[in-house]
């Protein structure tokens, strides 16, 4: 069987265990993200950034300013504007002037956008569940707890650095 080259394949046993763990985590993230991106493209003719954009709006039914979406998705305003323009043409979102600030717009899911996203989200969850099916429930719980512990530590280190 041909071994796929990935981020983790750069590591050797001589590398520090922490480096090997980080590369394995990064590789798993990349594999899941790549699979989800491919399935979104194949099944819904959409991209992961468009899915993420719709997801932000689904979680905020009152709508969001474009700058808020940009911050939440950690991408530039130009990228957000392009995605919004496409989704608007497709009738998946609505855009209106923000109260008190005519330069800003509020973006919301349209009825068609809510229906389309509901189906995408349902399938997305199925894909994720399927991808993690190789781990028993207890293992998924353990992994979740260990990653939470790592996240707390990283946040604490970041707070000390910014302190």
C-alpha atoms as a PDB file:
ATOM      1  CA  UNK A   1       0.000   0.000   0.000  1.00  0.00           C
ATOM      2  CA  UNK A   2       1.314   3.462  -0.935  1.00  0.00           C
ATOM      3  CA  UNK A   3       1.974   5.662   2.103  1.00  0.00           C
ATOM      4  CA  UNK A   4       0.531   9.171   1.677  1.00  0.00           C
ATOM      5  CA  UNK A   5       2.945  12.008   2.339  1.00  0.00           C
ATOM      6  CA  UNK A   6       1.519  14.323   4.963  1.00  0.00           C
ATOM      7  CA  UNK A   7       2.675  16.758   7.610  1.00  0.00           C
ATOM      8  CA  UNK A   8       3.381  14.001  10.107  1.00  0.00           C
ATOM      9  CA  UNK A   9       5.606  12.114   7.667  1.00  0.00           C
ATOM     10  CA  UNK A  10       8.254  14.813   8.169  1.00  0.00           C
ATOM     11  CA  UNK A  11       8.777  13.673  11.758  1.00  0.00           C
ATOM     12  CA  UNK A  12      11.250  11.066  12.831  1.00  0.00           C
ATOM     13  CA  UNK A  13      11.454   9.055  16.015  1.00  0.00           C
ATOM     14  CA  UNK A  14      14.333  11.328  17.016  1.00  0.00           C
ATOM     15  CA  UNK A  15      12.000  14.333  17.102  1.00  0.00           C
ATOM     16  CA  UNK A  16      10.631  15.325  20.491  1.00  0.00           C
ATOM     17  CA  UNK A  17       7.379  13.553  21.321  1.00  0.00           C
ATOM     18  CA  UNK A  18       5.608  16.928  21.586  1.00  0.00           C
ATOM     19  CA  UNK A  19       6.621  17.746  18.009  1.00  0.00           C
ATOM     20  CA  UNK A  20       5.382  14.360  16.788  1.00  0.00           C
ATOM     21  CA  UNK A  21       2.053  14.828  18.641  1.00  0.00           C
ATOM     22  CA  UNK A  22       1.632  18.295  17.141  1.00  0.00           C
ATOM     23  CA  UNK A  23       2.346  17.032  13.615  1.00  0.00           C
ATOM     24  CA  UNK A  24      -0.078  14.128  14.069  1.00  0.00           C
ATOM     25  CA  UNK A  25      -2.789  16.502  15.314  1.00  0.00           C
ATOM     26  CA  UNK A  26      -2.151  18.845  12.389  1.00  0.00           C
ATOM     27  CA  UNK A  27      -2.275  15.939   9.934  1.00  0.00           C
ATOM     28  CA  UNK A  28      -5.563  14.642  11.349  1.00  0.00           C
ATOM     29  CA  UNK A  29      -7.058  18.132  11.161  1.00  0.00           C
ATOM     30  CA  UNK A  30      -5.917  18.503   7.555  1.00  0.00           C
ATOM     31  CA  UNK A  31      -7.328  15.089   6.611  1.00  0.00           C
ATOM     32  CA  UNK A  32     -10.740  15.814   8.168  1.00  0.00           C
ATOM     33  CA  UNK A  33     -10.877  19.291   6.660  1.00  0.00           C
ATOM     34  CA  UNK A  34      -9.911  17.998   3.224  1.00  0.00           C
ATOM     35  CA  UNK A  35     -12.544  15.271   3.353  1.00  0.00           C
ATOM     36  CA  UNK A  36     -15.260  17.710   4.468  1.00  0.00           C
ATOM     37  CA  UNK A  37     -14.249  20.206   1.759  1.00  0.00           C
ATOM     38  CA  UNK A  38     -14.459  17.477  -0.887  1.00  0.00           C
ATOM     39  CA  UNK A  39     -17.847  16.262   0.303  1.00  0.00           C
ATOM     40  CA  UNK A  40     -19.252  19.807   0.416  1.00  0.00           C
ATOM     41  CA  UNK A  41     -18.023  20.346  -3.131  1.00  0.00           C
ATOM     42  CA  UNK A  42     -19.353  17.011  -4.415  1.00  0.00           C
ATOM     43  CA  UNK A  43     -22.695  16.952  -2.610  1.00  0.00           C
ATOM     44  CA  UNK A  44     -23.592  20.657  -2.453  1.00  0.00           C
ATOM     45  CA  UNK A  45     -21.356  22.380  -5.018  1.00  0.00           C
ATOM     46  CA  UNK A  46     -20.071  24.665  -2.266  1.00  0.00           C
ATOM     47  CA  UNK A  47     -16.868  25.393  -0.405  1.00  0.00           C
ATOM     48  CA  UNK A  48     -15.836  25.168   3.223  1.00  0.00           C
ATOM     49  CA  UNK A  49     -15.599  28.984   3.565  1.00  0.00           C
ATOM     50  CA  UNK A  50     -19.163  29.337   2.222  1.00  0.00           C
ATOM     51  CA  UNK A  51     -20.324  26.647   4.673  1.00  0.00           C
ATOM     52  CA  UNK A  52     -18.575  28.477   7.519  1.00  0.00           C
ATOM     53  CA  UNK A  53     -20.151  31.785   6.447  1.00  0.00           C
ATOM     54  CA  UNK A  54     -23.652  30.250   6.438  1.00  0.00           C
ATOM     55  CA  UNK A  55     -22.892  28.584   9.775  1.00  0.00           C
ATOM     56  CA  UNK A  56     -22.103  31.942  11.370  1.00  0.00           C
ATOM     57  CA  UNK A  57     -25.442  33.298  10.171  1.00  0.00           C
ATOM     58  CA  UNK A  58     -27.335  30.205  11.309  1.00  0.00           C
ATOM     59  CA  UNK A  59     -25.958  30.718  14.825  1.00  0.00           C
ATOM     60  CA  UNK A  60     -26.950  34.405  14.726  1.00  0.00           C
ATOM     61  CA  UNK A  61     -30.492  34.631  13.310  1.00  0.00           C
ATOM     62  CA  UNK A  62     -30.676  38.395  13.947  1.00  0.00           C
ATOM     63  CA  UNK A  63     -27.837  38.756  11.461  1.00  0.00           C
ATOM     64  CA  UNK A  64     -24.250  39.908  11.615  1.00  0.00           C
ATOM     65  CA  UNK A  65     -22.269  42.819  10.267  1.00  0.00           C
ATOM     66  CA  UNK A  66     -19.799  41.855   7.578  1.00  0.00           C
ATOM     67  CA  UNK A  67     -16.928  42.895   9.878  1.00  0.00           C
ATOM     68  CA  UNK A  68     -18.211  40.502  12.558  1.00  0.00           C
ATOM     69  CA  UNK A  69     -18.309  37.625  10.071  1.00  0.00           C
ATOM     70  CA  UNK A  70     -14.779  38.472   8.940  1.00  0.00           C
ATOM     71  CA  UNK A  71     -13.518  38.450  12.546  1.00  0.00           C
ATOM     72  CA  UNK A  72     -15.311  35.226  13.448  1.00  0.00           C
ATOM     73  CA  UNK A  73     -14.007  33.430  10.366  1.00  0.00           C
ATOM     74  CA  UNK A  74     -10.554  35.050  10.709  1.00  0.00           C
ATOM     75  CA  UNK A  75     -10.413  36.043   7.033  1.00  0.00           C
ATOM     76  CA  UNK A  76     -10.138  39.372   5.260  1.00  0.00           C
ATOM     77  CA  UNK A  77     -13.094  41.600   4.537  1.00  0.00           C
ATOM     78  CA  UNK A  78     -12.494  41.198   0.799  1.00  0.00           C
ATOM     79  CA  UNK A  79     -12.920  37.429   1.029  1.00  0.00           C
ATOM     80  CA  UNK A  80     -16.112  37.853   3.054  1.00  0.00           C
ATOM     81  CA  UNK A  81     -17.493  40.352   0.552  1.00  0.00           C
ATOM     82  CA  UNK A  82     -16.901  37.950  -2.362  1.00  0.00           C
ATOM     83  CA  UNK A  83     -18.628  35.099  -0.525  1.00  0.00           C
ATOM     84  CA  UNK A  84     -21.524  37.349   0.488  1.00  0.00           C
ATOM     85  CA  UNK A  85     -21.971  38.610  -3.070  1.00  0.00           C
ATOM     86  CA  UNK A  86     -22.185  35.033  -4.387  1.00  0.00           C
ATOM     87  CA  UNK A  87     -24.610  33.917  -1.661  1.00  0.00           C
ATOM     88  CA  UNK A  88     -26.765  36.990  -2.277  1.00  0.00           C
ATOM     89  CA  UNK A  89     -27.020  36.216  -6.006  1.00  0.00           C
ATOM     90  CA  UNK A  90     -27.991  32.628  -5.135  1.00  0.00           C
ATOM     91  CA  UNK A  91     -30.699  33.890  -2.776  1.00  0.00           C
ATOM     92  CA  UNK A  92     -29.201  32.224   0.306  1.00  0.00           C
ATOM     93  CA  UNK A  93     -28.705  35.450   2.270  1.00  0.00           C
ATOM     94  CA  UNK A  94     -30.191  38.917   2.560  1.00  0.00           C
ATOM     95  CA  UNK A  95     -28.243  42.114   3.101  1.00  0.00           C
ATOM     96  CA  UNK A  96     -29.580  45.349   4.582  1.00  0.00           C
ATOM     97  CA  UNK A  97     -28.163  48.636   5.842  1.00  0.00           C
ATOM     98  CA  UNK A  98     -27.189  48.550   9.513  1.00  0.00           C
ATOM     99  CA  UNK A  99     -29.297  50.802  11.735  1.00  0.00           C
ATOM    100  CA  UNK A 100     -27.330  53.919  12.613  1.00  0.00           C
ATOM    101  CA  UNK A 101     -24.469  53.195  10.184  1.00  0.00           C
ATOM    102  CA  UNK A 102     -25.299  53.439   6.496  1.00  0.00           C
ATOM    103  CA  UNK A 103     -21.785  52.213   5.584  1.00  0.00           C
ATOM    104  CA  UNK A 104     -22.270  48.842   7.303  1.00  0.00           C
ATOM    105  CA  UNK A 105     -24.532  46.002   6.252  1.00  0.00           C
ATOM    106  CA  UNK A 106     -26.335  43.352   8.209  1.00  0.00           C
ATOM    107  CA  UNK A 107     -26.378  39.928   6.601  1.00  0.00           C
ATOM    108  CA  UNK A 108     -28.954  37.229   7.440  1.00  0.00           C
ATOM    109  CA  UNK A 109     -29.894  33.831   6.102  1.00  0.00           C
ATOM    110  CA  UNK A 110     -32.862  33.918   3.761  1.00  0.00           C
ATOM    111  CA  UNK A 111     -35.576  31.257   4.049  1.00  0.00           C
ATOM    112  CA  UNK A 112     -33.883  29.387   1.183  1.00  0.00           C
ATOM    113  CA  UNK A 113     -30.532  29.790   2.946  1.00  0.00           C
ATOM    114  CA  UNK A 114     -31.929  28.335   6.177  1.00  0.00           C
ATOM    115  CA  UNK A 115     -33.286  25.304   4.299  1.00  0.00           C
ATOM    116  CA  UNK A 116     -30.071  24.781   2.323  1.00  0.00           C
ATOM    117  CA  UNK A 117     -27.849  25.165   5.372  1.00  0.00           C
ATOM    118  CA  UNK A 118     -30.007  22.826   7.484  1.00  0.00           C
ATOM    119  CA  UNK A 119     -29.398  20.033   4.964  1.00  0.00           C
ATOM    120  CA  UNK A 120     -25.672  20.827   4.700  1.00  0.00           C
ATOM    121  CA  UNK A 121     -25.312  20.880   8.498  1.00  0.00           C
ATOM    122  CA  UNK A 122     -27.160  17.577   8.853  1.00  0.00           C
ATOM    123  CA  UNK A 123     -24.877  15.903   6.321  1.00  0.00           C
ATOM    124  CA  UNK A 124     -21.786  17.595   7.785  1.00  0.00           C
ATOM    125  CA  UNK A 125     -22.553  16.064  11.170  1.00  0.00           C
ATOM    126  CA  UNK A 126     -23.004  12.626   9.555  1.00  0.00           C
ATOM    127  CA  UNK A 127     -19.610  12.958   7.842  1.00  0.00           C
ATOM    128  CA  UNK A 128     -17.852  13.954  11.059  1.00  0.00           C
ATOM    129  CA  UNK A 129     -19.480  11.129  13.013  1.00  0.00           C
ATOM    130  CA  UNK A 130     -18.404   8.692  10.295  1.00  0.00           C
ATOM    131  CA  UNK A 131     -14.820   9.993  10.278  1.00  0.00           C
ATOM    132  CA  UNK A 132     -14.505   9.560  14.049  1.00  0.00           C
ATOM    133  CA  UNK A 133     -16.187   6.143  14.041  1.00  0.00           C
ATOM    134  CA  UNK A 134     -12.747   4.522  14.187  1.00  0.00           C
ATOM    135  CA  UNK A 135     -12.606   5.538  17.845  1.00  0.00           C
ATOM    136  CA  UNK A 136     -14.838   4.018  20.500  1.00  0.00           C
ATOM    137  CA  UNK A 137     -17.054   6.443  22.425  1.00  0.00           C
ATOM    138  CA  UNK A 138     -14.787   6.204  25.458  1.00  0.00           C
ATOM    139  CA  UNK A 139     -11.777   7.027  23.267  1.00  0.00           C
ATOM    140  CA  UNK A 140     -13.566  10.038  21.741  1.00  0.00           C
ATOM    141  CA  UNK A 141     -14.405  11.245  25.274  1.00  0.00           C
ATOM    142  CA  UNK A 142     -10.798  10.750  26.341  1.00  0.00           C
ATOM    143  CA  UNK A 143      -9.467  12.579  23.285  1.00  0.00           C
ATOM    144  CA  UNK A 144     -11.948  15.418  23.871  1.00  0.00           C
ATOM    145  CA  UNK A 145     -10.857  15.735  27.505  1.00  0.00           C
ATOM    146  CA  UNK A 146      -7.153  15.648  26.622  1.00  0.00           C
ATOM    147  CA  UNK A 147      -7.580  18.304  23.942  1.00  0.00           C
ATOM    148  CA  UNK A 148      -9.519  20.459  26.440  1.00  0.00           C
ATOM    149  CA  UNK A 149      -6.612  20.148  28.869  1.00  0.00           C
ATOM    150  CA  UNK A 150      -4.148  21.121  26.142  1.00  0.00           C
ATOM    151  CA  UNK A 151      -6.355  24.074  25.145  1.00  0.00           C
ATOM    152  CA  UNK A 152      -6.505  25.335  28.752  1.00  0.00           C
ATOM    153  CA  UNK A 153      -2.724  25.115  29.005  1.00  0.00           C
ATOM    154  CA  UNK A 154      -2.183  26.932  25.700  1.00  0.00           C
ATOM    155  CA  UNK A 155      -4.628  29.676  26.700  1.00  0.00           C
ATOM    156  CA  UNK A 156      -2.851  30.069  30.059  1.00  0.00           C
ATOM    157  CA  UNK A 157       0.543  30.328  28.342  1.00  0.00           C
ATOM    158  CA  UNK A 158      -0.877  32.896  25.905  1.00  0.00           C
ATOM    159  CA  UNK A 159      -2.311  34.928  28.806  1.00  0.00           C
ATOM    160  CA  UNK A 160       1.085  34.938  30.535  1.00  0.00           C
ATOM    161  CA  UNK A 161       2.810  36.073  27.346  1.00  0.00           C
ATOM    162  CA  UNK A 162       0.321  38.913  26.849  1.00  0.00           C
ATOM    163  CA  UNK A 163       0.144  39.541  30.626  1.00  0.00           C
END
